[in-house]
Amino acid sequence: MREGNCESNGQAGQEGVLLVVDKDGHIQAVEGGAGELFGREPSTLVGLSLAELLGEECAAWWKEMQGREWRTTDPPATWTGRILSPEGGEVQFEVEWRPLVGAGSVGGLLRLRLSNPELSKLSHDSQASRPSGLSCSSCCLFANAPYAVARHRLLYDANDRPCDYLFLEVNPAFEKLTGWESSKVIGKTVRELMGDAAAPWIERYGEVVVSGRHATFEDFAQGLNRWYYVVAYPMGGDEFVVAFEDITERVQLTHERELLTKRLEHVLDATPTVITVLERQRDQFAPVWVSPNVEILFGYTPEEALVPEFWIHAIEPEDRERVLQQTQEVFRKGENWMEYRMRTKWGRLVWVQDYSRVSRYENGEPQEVIVSWTDITRRVLDAQELEENLRELRAILTTAQELATSLNPQHVAESIVRLCVEVWGARLAWLGIAEPSGYVRPLAWLPAECKYLQSIRVRHDDHPEGQGPTGRAIRSGRVQLTEDVLTDPRLAPWRDQALEAGFCTSAAFPLTSRGQTFGALNVYSDQPGFFS
C-alpha cells in the first residue's frame, strides 16, 4: 500500500525545471534541478527576468504567448532554444508555457525540459535524494500574487486509489478567495474541510499526480459556492501544486448574457422582423450574422441566409433592379427605408419592409451595416383591400348623389344599401332623408328585418337625438366615423341597441346635391377596424 507522505521519486528531474513567472516576465519561484542547469542556487534566480536568464528570443516569444487569449482546453505553447551549461557547453532545451489563470493576465508556469539526455540524467540523479516541492520558501513566494496557490500531498486508500489530499502550504490569496485561514487548513485534508463535495477534485488531482501531466479546468466548489479557474501541476512524488482564481462573477455574467441572448432570440422568434449584420470584406459587404427567426419567417436556415447571393436571389425579379439601386442610398444618407417583394423558400411571395443603417469607423469609412427585414404582407394586402373598398364606396356614394334627381329614388336607395351589405360586407346599411321636421326618415335598409332601426329615432337638428353620427354628418357635410361603439360617448343614446345588434363600428356618409346635404348613408359592421 502507498504511503501518504512519500519522498520524491525523481519525477521532478524527469519533468525538468519549473519556473513560476509573473505577468511582467520576472521569475517568482523555481522548482527542479536549477542548480545543475544554471550553475547557481535557485534562490538567486528569483527576481530575474526571462531575458536575463534565457535570452531575448525566449523573452520575446513569452511576451507573444502572454498576450494570447487562452482557453482551458488549449494545449501549452512550446519553444526550443539553447543556453550555456555550467560546464561551458551549449545545451538545447524546450520551454513549455501555460498561464496560471484566465487569459494569462497574471503570469504562468514555464517548464524547461532538457534535450541533452546526459544533463537530464544528472539533474535526475542529483535530485533523487531530496523531497520535491517549490524552492525558495515555496508558496511564500506567492505572498503578493492575486491568485491563490496551495501545495498538497495526495493520499490513497487500501487499494492504492486516490481518496483524499493534504494541505501543506497556502498563500494569503488562498485565504482571501476561500475564506479559510491557513492555520485552520494546513495539516488537514480536503475531506475534513469539504466532505464528499471534494470527491470530483480528488479525482482530478489524482489524475494529475498519477499521469505526471498538468491540468486546467473551470469548476464549481459546492462547499464554497464559488466558481474557480484552476491549474494543477505535478511536483514529483505524491505532491502537486494548485493555482486558481475566483471566476464566479465572470461565470454569472456569462450565464446572464446567455439568458439575455436566449430571451432576445425568443423575442425575435415572436416578431415579424429578421435582423442581419453585414461586415466589410474587401470591396463589398457580406452577411456575418442573421437572427435565427429567418427560418420561421422565410424558410431559410441561418446558414443559407448567410450566403452572399441569398438576398439578391430572394428578391422578386421585377423589384430587383429598383432595390439594388436604392440600397446604395444607405452609404450616402446613413440609413435607408424601402419596400419590395421576396420569395420564401416555400415559394410564397411576401412583402418586406427593409430598414438599413450603417455604422462607421472614426475616419468615416463604413464599418458594418445592420439590416432589418419586416414582413408587412398583411399590411400591404389590407391596404390593397381598403383601396378596393374605397373604390366600391366611391361608386356607392356617386350613385347616392343621384337620389335628388332620380325619378325613382326608392329604387336607387335600395340598390345602394344592397351594395353596402352584399358587396362591401356591412352588417347593416340604411339610407335616410332629412325631413323639415328635424327627423331623419329611413328610405331604404338591409337586412329588411332590422330591429335596431325600428327601435331608434334619429334627428338632424340640435336635439339630443341629433348629436349622433347621422345628425352630425348631415349638419357638417363630413363623414362621421365611430371607431368603437362601446366607448364613443356620442353614441350614448343608441349604444345599448347597437351592442345588442352586434355592431362594433359605424360610419355616416353625408349625401349632397348642388351644395346642399339632403340625407345620410349609415353603414354598420361587426368587425373592428372595418373602416380603417
Protein backbone atom coordinates (compact mmCIF):
# COMPACT_ATOMS: atom_id res chain seq x y z
CA MET A 1 0.00 0.00 0.00
CA ARG A 2 1.26 3.51 -0.81
CA GLU A 3 2.13 5.95 1.96
CA GLY A 4 0.62 9.40 2.04
CA ASN A 5 3.87 11.23 2.84
CA CYS A 6 6.06 9.90 0.05
CA GLU A 7 9.50 11.36 -0.72
CA SER A 8 10.38 12.43 -4.27
CA ASN A 9 10.60 9.61 -6.81
CA GLY A 10 12.72 11.64 -9.23
CA GLN A 11 9.80 12.77 -11.32
CA ALA A 12 10.79 16.41 -10.87
CA GLY A 13 14.10 15.77 -12.57
CA GLN A 14 12.41 13.99 -15.42
CA GLU A 15 9.95 16.85 -15.69
CA GLY A 16 12.81 19.39 -15.89
CA VAL A 17 12.87 22.79 -14.21
CA LEU A 18 9.68 24.66 -13.33
CA LEU A 19 9.73 28.47 -13.26
CA VAL A 20 6.81 30.49 -11.90
CA VAL A 21 6.73 33.73 -13.93
CA ASP A 22 4.71 36.84 -13.11
CA LYS A 23 2.85 39.00 -15.63
CA ASP A 24 5.94 41.17 -16.24
CA GLY A 25 8.17 38.22 -17.10
CA HIS A 26 10.05 38.01 -13.79
CA ILE A 27 10.70 34.72 -12.00
CA GLN A 28 8.79 34.25 -8.73
CA ALA A 29 9.71 30.68 -7.81
CA VAL A 30 11.90 27.81 -9.02
CA GLU A 31 11.49 24.05 -8.72
CA GLY A 32 13.68 21.23 -10.03
CA GLY A 33 17.34 20.95 -10.99
CA ALA A 34 18.05 24.65 -11.40
CA GLY A 35 21.49 24.36 -9.79
CA GLU A 36 22.68 21.74 -12.27
CA LEU A 37 21.17 23.57 -15.24
CA PHE A 38 22.18 27.15 -14.45
CA GLY A 39 25.11 26.58 -12.05
CA ARG A 40 23.62 28.74 -9.28
CA GLU A 41 21.30 28.47 -6.29
CA PRO A 42 17.56 28.55 -7.12
CA SER A 43 17.03 31.44 -4.72
CA THR A 44 19.37 33.64 -6.83
CA LEU A 45 17.13 33.16 -9.87
CA VAL A 46 14.09 34.69 -8.17
CA GLY A 47 13.50 38.23 -9.45
CA LEU A 48 15.45 37.76 -12.68
CA SER A 49 13.72 38.47 -15.97
CA LEU A 50 13.37 35.80 -18.64
CA ALA A 51 15.60 37.85 -20.91
CA GLU A 52 18.35 37.78 -18.30
CA LEU A 53 18.01 34.05 -17.67
CA LEU A 54 17.09 32.56 -21.06
CA GLY A 55 17.83 35.28 -23.57
CA GLU A 56 15.96 37.95 -25.56
CA GLU A 57 14.48 35.49 -28.10
CA CYS A 58 12.83 33.41 -25.39
CA ALA A 59 11.55 36.56 -23.66
CA ALA A 60 10.06 37.84 -26.92
CA TRP A 61 8.33 34.52 -27.52
CA TRP A 62 6.98 34.51 -23.96
CA LYS A 63 5.63 38.05 -24.37
CA GLU A 64 3.79 36.98 -27.52
CA MET A 65 2.29 33.98 -25.73
CA GLN A 66 1.35 36.13 -22.71
CA GLY A 67 -0.76 38.36 -24.95
CA ARG A 68 -2.63 35.43 -26.45
CA GLU A 69 -6.21 34.63 -25.46
CA TRP A 70 -6.18 31.28 -23.67
CA ARG A 71 -8.92 28.73 -23.16
CA THR A 72 -8.81 25.99 -20.58
CA THR A 73 -8.74 23.35 -23.34
CA ASP A 74 -5.74 24.86 -25.16
CA PRO A 75 -2.50 22.83 -25.09
CA PRO A 76 0.59 24.55 -23.67
CA ALA A 77 2.77 26.58 -26.05
CA THR A 78 6.32 25.36 -26.69
CA TRP A 79 9.62 26.92 -27.82
CA THR A 80 13.12 25.49 -28.31
CA GLY A 81 16.39 27.30 -27.50
CA ARG A 82 19.97 26.91 -26.25
CA ILE A 83 21.86 28.04 -23.14
CA LEU A 84 25.35 27.52 -21.76
CA SER A 85 25.68 24.71 -19.22
CA PRO A 86 27.73 25.13 -16.01
CA GLU A 87 30.50 23.16 -17.75
CA GLY A 88 30.62 25.72 -20.55
CA GLY A 89 28.96 23.61 -23.22
CA GLU A 90 25.85 24.53 -25.13
CA VAL A 91 22.67 22.75 -24.02
CA GLN A 92 19.45 22.58 -26.01
CA PHE A 93 16.22 22.85 -24.05
CA GLU A 94 12.48 23.00 -24.68
CA VAL A 95 10.24 25.56 -22.97
CA GLU A 96 6.58 24.85 -22.25
CA TRP A 97 4.31 27.75 -21.27
CA ARG A 98 0.89 27.66 -19.61
CA PRO A 99 -0.84 30.67 -17.97
CA LEU A 100 -1.75 30.18 -14.35
CA VAL A 101 -5.15 31.84 -14.65
CA GLY A 102 -7.60 33.00 -17.31
CA ALA A 103 -6.12 34.67 -20.41
CA GLY A 104 -2.61 34.63 -18.86
CA SER A 105 -3.14 38.08 -17.37
CA VAL A 106 -1.25 37.44 -14.12
CA GLY A 107 1.55 35.15 -15.20
CA GLY A 108 2.02 31.45 -15.54
CA LEU A 109 4.23 28.41 -15.38
CA LEU A 110 7.32 27.94 -17.56
CA ARG A 111 8.74 24.41 -17.66
CA LEU A 112 12.22 23.73 -19.11
CA ARG A 113 12.91 20.22 -20.43
CA LEU A 114 16.50 19.39 -21.38
CA SER A 115 17.11 17.95 -24.81
CA ASN A 116 20.60 16.66 -23.66
CA PRO A 117 19.91 13.23 -22.12
CA GLU A 118 23.19 13.20 -20.11
CA LEU A 119 22.42 16.50 -18.39
CA SER A 120 18.85 15.40 -17.87
CA LYS A 121 20.15 12.26 -16.14
CA LEU A 122 22.47 14.39 -14.00
CA SER A 123 19.56 16.54 -12.87
CA HIS A 124 17.54 13.45 -12.07
CA ASP A 125 20.33 11.79 -10.06
CA SER A 126 21.11 14.93 -8.07
CA GLN A 127 17.50 15.40 -7.00
CA ALA A 128 16.62 11.84 -6.19
CA SER A 129 17.62 12.25 -2.55
CA ARG A 130 15.66 15.43 -1.74
CA PRO A 131 11.93 15.97 -1.39
CA SER A 132 10.02 17.65 -4.18
CA GLY A 133 8.31 20.97 -3.80
CA LEU A 134 8.72 24.62 -4.65
CA SER A 135 12.11 26.03 -3.75
CA CYS A 136 12.62 29.46 -2.22
CA SER A 137 10.06 29.20 0.58
CA SER A 138 7.55 27.55 -1.74
CA CYS A 139 4.10 29.20 -1.58
CA CYS A 140 5.55 32.09 0.39
CA LEU A 141 6.92 33.37 -2.91
CA PHE A 142 3.31 33.92 -3.97
CA ALA A 143 2.57 36.18 -0.99
CA ASN A 144 1.65 39.12 -3.23
CA ALA A 145 0.09 37.13 -6.06
CA PRO A 146 -3.57 37.98 -6.84
CA TYR A 147 -4.36 34.29 -7.39
CA ALA A 148 -4.47 31.51 -4.81
CA VAL A 149 -1.71 28.90 -4.60
CA ALA A 150 -1.72 25.73 -2.50
CA ARG A 151 0.66 22.76 -2.23
CA HIS A 152 -0.84 19.36 -1.48
CA ARG A 153 0.05 15.73 -0.97
CA LEU A 154 -2.23 13.09 -2.46
CA LEU A 155 -3.45 10.32 -0.11
CA TYR A 156 -4.54 6.81 -1.10
CA ASP A 157 -6.88 4.14 0.21
CA ALA A 158 -6.08 0.46 0.81
CA ASN A 159 -6.47 -0.26 -2.91
CA ASP A 160 -3.97 2.43 -3.92
CA ARG A 161 -6.72 4.70 -5.24
CA PRO A 162 -6.64 8.46 -4.53
CA CYS A 163 -9.04 9.11 -1.68
CA ASP A 164 -8.03 12.49 -0.23
CA TYR A 165 -5.30 15.11 -0.23
CA LEU A 166 -3.47 17.02 2.46
CA PHE A 167 -2.87 20.79 2.65
CA LEU A 168 0.88 21.50 3.02
CA GLU A 169 1.13 25.21 2.16
CA VAL A 170 -1.16 28.04 1.06
CA ASN A 171 -0.57 31.70 0.20
CA PRO A 172 -2.50 34.74 1.51
CA ALA A 173 -4.66 34.96 -1.63
CA PHE A 174 -5.85 31.42 -0.86
CA GLU A 175 -7.24 32.65 2.46
CA LYS A 176 -8.96 35.59 0.78
CA LEU A 177 -10.53 33.60 -2.06
CA THR A 178 -11.72 30.65 0.02
CA GLY A 179 -12.34 32.25 3.40
CA TRP A 180 -10.22 29.56 5.05
CA GLU A 181 -7.40 30.68 7.35
CA SER A 182 -4.08 28.94 6.72
CA SER A 183 -3.79 27.93 10.39
CA LYS A 184 -7.05 26.01 10.10
CA VAL A 185 -6.19 24.43 6.75
CA ILE A 186 -2.55 23.33 6.81
CA GLY A 187 -2.22 19.77 8.06
CA LYS A 188 -5.86 18.94 7.29
CA THR A 189 -7.33 17.01 4.40
CA VAL A 190 -9.82 18.37 1.89
CA ARG A 191 -12.44 15.86 3.03
CA GLU A 192 -12.17 17.21 6.55
CA LEU A 193 -12.96 20.66 5.17
CA MET A 194 -15.48 19.90 2.42
CA GLY A 195 -16.70 16.34 2.97
CA ASP A 196 -17.92 14.37 -0.05
CA ALA A 197 -18.23 17.60 -2.07
CA ALA A 198 -14.47 17.34 -2.62
CA ALA A 199 -14.70 13.98 -4.45
CA PRO A 200 -14.54 15.45 -8.01
CA TRP A 201 -11.43 17.47 -7.13
CA ILE A 202 -9.70 14.46 -5.56
CA GLU A 203 -10.32 12.51 -8.77
CA ARG A 204 -8.97 15.33 -10.97
CA TYR A 205 -5.84 15.89 -8.90
CA GLY A 206 -5.28 12.15 -8.63
CA GLU A 207 -5.06 12.01 -12.43
CA VAL A 208 -2.53 14.87 -12.40
CA VAL A 209 -0.25 13.08 -9.93
CA VAL A 210 -0.57 9.62 -11.47
CA SER A 211 -0.16 10.79 -15.08
CA GLY A 212 2.50 13.38 -14.32
CA ARG A 213 0.70 15.86 -16.60
CA HIS A 214 -0.76 19.21 -15.66
CA ALA A 215 -4.48 20.01 -15.97
CA THR A 216 -6.55 23.17 -16.37
CA PHE A 217 -10.28 23.43 -15.84
CA GLU A 218 -13.15 25.53 -14.54
CA ASP A 219 -15.15 24.03 -11.70
CA PHE A 220 -17.79 24.85 -9.09
CA ALA A 221 -16.89 24.33 -5.43
CA GLN A 222 -20.08 23.15 -3.74
CA GLY A 223 -18.86 23.79 -0.21
CA LEU A 224 -17.75 27.34 -1.04
CA ASN A 225 -20.49 28.13 -3.56
CA ARG A 226 -17.93 29.66 -5.92
CA TRP A 227 -16.59 29.08 -9.43
CA TYR A 228 -12.82 28.74 -9.92
CA TYR A 229 -10.38 28.63 -12.82
CA VAL A 230 -7.77 26.04 -11.79
CA VAL A 231 -4.31 24.99 -12.96
CA ALA A 232 -2.82 21.89 -11.30
CA TYR A 233 0.79 20.73 -11.74
CA PRO A 234 2.52 17.54 -10.52
CA MET A 235 5.55 18.34 -8.35
CA GLY A 236 7.09 14.89 -8.05
CA GLY A 237 6.19 12.05 -5.73
CA ASP A 238 2.65 12.45 -4.48
CA GLU A 239 2.76 16.24 -4.26
CA PHE A 240 1.10 18.73 -6.55
CA VAL A 241 0.54 22.48 -6.69
CA VAL A 242 -2.79 24.13 -7.46
CA ALA A 243 -3.17 27.76 -8.58
CA PHE A 244 -6.65 29.18 -9.02
CA GLU A 245 -8.70 32.36 -9.20
CA ASP A 246 -12.31 33.14 -8.39
CA ILE A 247 -14.28 33.49 -11.65
CA THR A 248 -17.76 33.43 -10.08
CA GLU A 249 -18.59 36.93 -11.29
CA ARG A 250 -17.42 36.12 -14.82
CA VAL A 251 -19.44 32.89 -14.90
CA GLN A 252 -22.52 34.70 -13.62
CA LEU A 253 -22.12 37.41 -16.25
CA THR A 254 -21.69 34.74 -18.93
CA HIS A 255 -24.82 33.00 -17.68
CA GLU A 256 -26.75 36.27 -17.69
CA ARG A 257 -25.51 37.01 -21.22
CA GLU A 258 -26.66 33.57 -22.35
CA LEU A 259 -30.07 34.17 -20.78
CA LEU A 260 -30.33 37.56 -22.47
CA THR A 261 -29.30 36.00 -25.78
CA LYS A 262 -31.96 33.32 -25.43
CA ARG A 263 -34.51 35.96 -24.45
CA LEU A 264 -33.57 38.05 -27.49
CA GLU A 265 -33.90 35.01 -29.73
CA HIS A 266 -37.30 34.30 -28.16
CA VAL A 267 -38.40 37.90 -28.75
CA LEU A 268 -37.18 37.80 -32.34
CA ASP A 269 -38.96 34.50 -32.91
CA ALA A 270 -42.21 36.20 -31.84
CA THR A 271 -41.76 39.22 -34.14
CA PRO A 272 -42.12 39.56 -37.92
CA THR A 273 -38.62 41.06 -38.19
CA VAL A 274 -35.32 39.44 -39.17
CA ILE A 275 -32.04 41.16 -38.21
CA THR A 276 -28.85 40.65 -40.21
CA VAL A 277 -25.38 42.19 -39.87
CA LEU A 278 -23.12 42.89 -42.86
CA GLU A 279 -19.38 43.49 -42.48
CA ARG A 280 -16.96 44.89 -45.00
CA GLN A 281 -14.92 42.19 -46.72
CA ARG A 282 -12.52 43.60 -49.30
CA ASP A 283 -14.62 45.65 -51.72
CA GLN A 284 -18.10 44.54 -50.63
CA PHE A 285 -20.30 43.98 -47.58
CA ALA A 286 -21.16 40.37 -46.75
CA PRO A 287 -23.53 38.94 -44.13
CA VAL A 288 -21.81 37.63 -40.98
CA TRP A 289 -24.84 37.12 -38.68
CA VAL A 290 -28.57 36.67 -39.08
CA SER A 291 -31.22 36.16 -36.43
CA PRO A 292 -32.46 32.55 -36.18
CA ASN A 293 -36.09 33.54 -36.89
CA VAL A 294 -35.19 33.87 -40.58
CA GLU A 295 -36.14 30.21 -40.82
CA ILE A 296 -39.55 30.85 -39.23
CA LEU A 297 -40.39 33.82 -41.45
CA PHE A 298 -38.78 32.91 -44.76
CA GLY A 299 -38.00 29.18 -44.52
CA TYR A 300 -34.23 29.55 -44.98
CA THR A 301 -31.80 28.32 -42.33
CA PRO A 302 -29.35 30.90 -40.91
CA GLU A 303 -26.57 29.12 -42.80
CA GLU A 304 -28.45 29.51 -46.10
CA ALA A 305 -29.23 33.16 -45.34
CA LEU A 306 -25.53 33.91 -44.77
CA VAL A 307 -24.62 33.00 -48.35
CA PRO A 308 -23.84 36.37 -50.01
CA GLU A 309 -26.07 35.68 -53.03
CA PHE A 310 -29.08 34.66 -50.92
CA TRP A 311 -30.68 38.10 -50.59
CA ILE A 312 -30.34 39.11 -54.26
CA HIS A 313 -31.81 35.82 -55.47
CA ALA A 314 -34.70 36.00 -52.98
CA ILE A 315 -35.88 39.42 -54.25
CA GLU A 316 -38.71 39.23 -56.78
CA PRO A 317 -37.10 39.80 -60.24
CA GLU A 318 -39.46 42.68 -61.08
CA ASP A 319 -38.27 44.56 -57.96
CA ARG A 320 -34.57 43.60 -58.08
CA GLU A 321 -33.13 46.44 -60.17
CA ARG A 322 -35.00 49.12 -58.20
CA VAL A 323 -33.92 47.61 -54.85
CA LEU A 324 -30.24 47.33 -55.83
CA GLN A 325 -30.22 50.99 -56.86
CA GLN A 326 -31.90 52.11 -53.62
CA THR A 327 -29.51 50.03 -51.50
CA GLN A 328 -26.64 52.42 -52.21
CA GLU A 329 -28.57 55.22 -50.51
CA VAL A 330 -27.65 53.87 -47.06
CA PHE A 331 -24.00 54.86 -47.58
CA ARG A 332 -25.00 58.39 -48.63
CA LYS A 333 -27.71 59.04 -46.01
CA GLY A 334 -26.62 56.71 -43.20
CA GLU A 335 -29.94 54.87 -43.26
CA ASN A 336 -32.49 53.75 -45.83
CA TRP A 337 -36.10 52.52 -45.99
CA MET A 338 -37.60 50.55 -48.85
CA GLU A 339 -40.35 48.04 -49.56
CA TYR A 340 -40.19 45.16 -52.00
CA ARG A 341 -41.23 41.56 -52.54
CA MET A 342 -39.22 38.49 -51.57
CA ARG A 343 -39.79 34.83 -52.38
CA THR A 344 -39.72 32.46 -49.38
CA LYS A 345 -38.16 29.02 -49.53
CA TRP A 346 -41.72 27.64 -49.71
CA GLY A 347 -42.35 29.69 -52.87
CA ARG A 348 -44.70 32.20 -51.26
CA LEU A 349 -44.35 35.85 -52.24
CA VAL A 350 -44.14 38.21 -49.25
CA TRP A 351 -43.85 41.96 -48.90
CA VAL A 352 -40.81 43.15 -46.89
CA GLN A 353 -40.03 46.49 -45.30
CA ASP A 354 -36.23 46.83 -45.42
CA TYR A 355 -34.53 49.23 -43.00
CA SER A 356 -30.73 49.51 -43.09
CA ARG A 357 -28.33 51.61 -41.03
CA VAL A 358 -24.58 51.99 -41.49
CA SER A 359 -22.02 52.40 -38.69
CA ARG A 360 -18.65 53.95 -39.46
CA TYR A 361 -15.08 53.98 -38.19
CA GLU A 362 -13.67 57.17 -36.68
CA ASN A 363 -12.26 58.10 -40.08
CA GLY A 364 -15.73 57.95 -41.63
CA GLU A 365 -15.26 54.71 -43.54
CA PRO A 366 -18.24 52.29 -43.39
CA GLN A 367 -17.68 49.55 -40.80
CA GLU A 368 -20.86 47.47 -40.86
CA VAL A 369 -24.48 47.62 -41.99
CA ILE A 370 -27.34 46.44 -39.79
CA VAL A 371 -30.42 45.44 -41.78
CA SER A 372 -33.93 44.50 -40.63
CA TRP A 373 -36.50 42.76 -42.80
CA THR A 374 -40.07 43.07 -41.54
CA ASP A 375 -42.86 41.03 -43.08
CA ILE A 376 -45.55 43.60 -44.00
CA THR A 377 -47.54 41.30 -46.28
CA ARG A 378 -50.68 41.55 -44.12
CA ARG A 379 -50.46 45.35 -44.07
CA VAL A 380 -49.99 45.60 -47.85
CA LEU A 381 -52.87 43.22 -48.53
CA ASP A 382 -55.07 45.13 -46.08
CA ALA A 383 -54.18 48.38 -47.84
CA GLN A 384 -55.00 46.86 -51.21
CA GLU A 385 -58.30 45.59 -49.83
CA LEU A 386 -59.05 49.00 -48.34
CA GLU A 387 -58.32 50.67 -51.67
CA GLU A 388 -60.70 48.27 -53.33
CA ASN A 389 -63.31 49.05 -50.68
CA LEU A 390 -62.82 52.77 -51.23
CA ARG A 391 -63.35 52.34 -54.94
CA GLU A 392 -66.59 50.50 -54.20
CA LEU A 393 -67.57 53.15 -51.67
CA ARG A 394 -66.93 55.94 -54.18
CA ALA A 395 -69.18 54.12 -56.63
CA ILE A 396 -71.84 53.79 -53.93
CA LEU A 397 -71.66 57.47 -52.97
CA THR A 398 -71.68 58.55 -56.60
CA THR A 399 -74.85 56.56 -57.05
CA ALA A 400 -76.26 58.05 -53.83
CA GLN A 401 -75.88 61.57 -55.17
CA GLU A 402 -78.31 60.66 -57.97
CA LEU A 403 -81.10 60.35 -55.42
CA ALA A 404 -82.01 64.02 -55.57
CA THR A 405 -82.59 63.95 -59.33
CA SER A 406 -83.75 60.37 -59.78
CA LEU A 407 -87.27 59.69 -60.96
CA ASN A 408 -87.25 56.55 -58.78
CA PRO A 409 -85.27 57.45 -55.58
CA GLN A 410 -86.61 54.40 -53.72
CA HIS A 411 -85.07 52.04 -56.29
CA VAL A 412 -81.71 53.91 -56.19
CA ALA A 413 -81.68 53.84 -52.36
CA GLU A 414 -82.36 50.09 -52.28
CA SER A 415 -79.52 49.49 -54.77
CA ILE A 416 -77.14 51.46 -52.58
CA VAL A 417 -77.83 49.60 -49.31
CA ARG A 418 -77.70 46.28 -51.20
CA LEU A 419 -74.19 47.16 -52.48
CA CYS A 420 -73.09 48.03 -48.94
CA VAL A 421 -74.26 44.73 -47.44
CA GLU A 422 -73.79 42.21 -50.24
CA VAL A 423 -70.64 43.62 -51.87
CA TRP A 424 -68.93 45.65 -49.17
CA GLY A 425 -69.76 43.19 -46.36
CA ALA A 426 -71.56 45.53 -43.95
CA ARG A 427 -73.78 44.13 -41.18
CA LEU A 428 -76.45 46.85 -41.72
CA ALA A 429 -76.90 49.74 -44.16
CA TRP A 430 -79.72 52.27 -44.22
CA LEU A 431 -80.24 55.47 -46.14
CA GLY A 432 -82.15 58.33 -44.51
CA ILE A 433 -83.60 61.58 -45.81
CA ALA A 434 -83.51 64.78 -43.70
CA GLU A 435 -87.10 65.97 -43.12
CA PRO A 436 -88.08 69.59 -42.38
CA SER A 437 -89.43 68.39 -39.01
CA GLY A 438 -85.86 67.61 -37.87
CA TYR A 439 -86.23 63.81 -38.11
CA VAL A 440 -84.29 61.57 -40.46
CA ARG A 441 -86.67 59.31 -42.36
CA PRO A 442 -85.28 55.86 -43.39
CA LEU A 443 -85.82 55.43 -47.13
CA ALA A 444 -84.19 52.01 -47.63
CA TRP A 445 -82.36 49.48 -45.46
CA LEU A 446 -80.91 45.99 -45.49
CA PRO A 447 -81.44 43.48 -43.93
CA ALA A 448 -85.16 44.08 -44.35
CA GLU A 449 -85.96 42.79 -40.85
CA CYS A 450 -83.93 45.13 -38.67
CA LYS A 451 -84.94 45.55 -35.04
CA TYR A 452 -82.22 48.13 -34.47
CA LEU A 453 -83.61 50.60 -36.99
CA GLN A 454 -87.13 50.07 -35.65
CA SER A 455 -86.00 50.80 -32.07
CA ILE A 456 -84.23 54.14 -32.59
CA ARG A 457 -85.17 57.68 -33.55
CA VAL A 458 -82.63 59.89 -35.32
CA ARG A 459 -82.73 63.65 -35.88
CA HIS A 460 -80.52 66.09 -37.78
CA ASP A 461 -81.12 69.23 -35.68
CA ASP A 462 -79.67 70.31 -32.28
CA HIS A 463 -81.93 67.96 -30.34
CA PRO A 464 -80.01 65.31 -28.25
CA GLU A 465 -81.17 62.69 -30.80
CA GLY A 466 -79.44 64.78 -33.47
CA GLN A 467 -75.97 64.54 -31.85
CA GLY A 468 -75.20 61.07 -33.23
CA PRO A 469 -73.20 60.27 -36.39
CA THR A 470 -76.15 60.71 -38.75
CA GLY A 471 -77.17 64.15 -37.44
CA ARG A 472 -73.58 65.42 -37.40
CA ALA A 473 -72.93 64.14 -40.94
CA ILE A 474 -76.00 65.97 -42.29
CA ARG A 475 -75.23 69.24 -40.44
CA SER A 476 -71.46 69.30 -41.18
CA GLY A 477 -71.41 67.68 -44.60
CA ARG A 478 -68.47 65.50 -43.41
CA VAL A 479 -68.12 61.73 -42.86
CA GLN A 480 -68.67 60.74 -39.21
CA LEU A 481 -66.78 57.61 -38.07
CA THR A 482 -67.42 55.69 -34.85
CA GLU A 483 -64.35 53.51 -34.25
CA ASP A 484 -65.74 51.78 -31.15
CA VAL A 485 -69.47 51.65 -30.42
CA LEU A 486 -68.75 50.66 -26.81
CA THR A 487 -66.66 53.72 -25.89
CA ASP A 488 -67.79 56.59 -28.19
CA PRO A 489 -69.76 58.98 -25.92
CA ARG A 490 -71.59 60.50 -28.90
CA LEU A 491 -73.37 57.19 -29.48
CA ALA A 492 -74.73 57.01 -25.93
CA PRO A 493 -78.49 57.33 -26.82
CA TRP A 494 -78.26 54.32 -29.15
CA ARG A 495 -75.40 52.28 -27.54
CA ASP A 496 -77.49 49.54 -25.90
CA GLN A 497 -79.44 48.82 -29.09
CA ALA A 498 -76.23 48.88 -31.20
CA LEU A 499 -74.41 46.44 -28.89
CA GLU A 500 -77.45 44.14 -28.81
CA ALA A 501 -77.39 44.12 -32.63
CA GLY A 502 -73.67 43.13 -32.54
CA PHE A 503 -72.23 46.32 -34.03
CA CYS A 504 -68.58 47.25 -33.31
CA THR A 505 -68.13 50.26 -35.53
CA SER A 506 -70.19 52.53 -37.82
CA ALA A 507 -69.92 55.40 -40.29
CA ALA A 508 -72.31 58.02 -41.57
CA PHE A 509 -71.73 59.45 -45.08
CA PRO A 510 -73.45 62.75 -45.98
CA LEU A 511 -75.49 62.85 -49.22
CA THR A 512 -75.30 66.18 -51.06
CA SER A 513 -76.80 67.69 -54.19
CA ARG A 514 -75.99 71.16 -55.56
CA GLY A 515 -74.09 72.01 -52.39
CA GLN A 516 -76.93 71.01 -50.05
CA THR A 517 -76.93 67.96 -47.75
CA PHE A 518 -80.25 66.12 -48.01
CA GLY A 519 -79.58 62.90 -46.14
CA ALA A 520 -77.04 60.32 -44.98
CA LEU A 521 -75.95 56.76 -45.74
CA ASN A 522 -75.35 54.82 -42.50
CA VAL A 523 -73.22 51.68 -42.50
CA TYR A 524 -72.57 49.34 -39.52
CA SER A 525 -70.12 46.46 -39.10
CA ASP A 526 -69.46 43.72 -36.55
CA GLN A 527 -65.73 43.74 -37.46
CA PRO A 528 -63.38 46.08 -35.52
CA GLY A 529 -61.42 48.37 -37.84
CA PHE A 530 -63.83 47.81 -40.73
CA PHE A 531 -63.50 51.44 -41.89
CA SER A 532 -59.78 51.96 -41.10
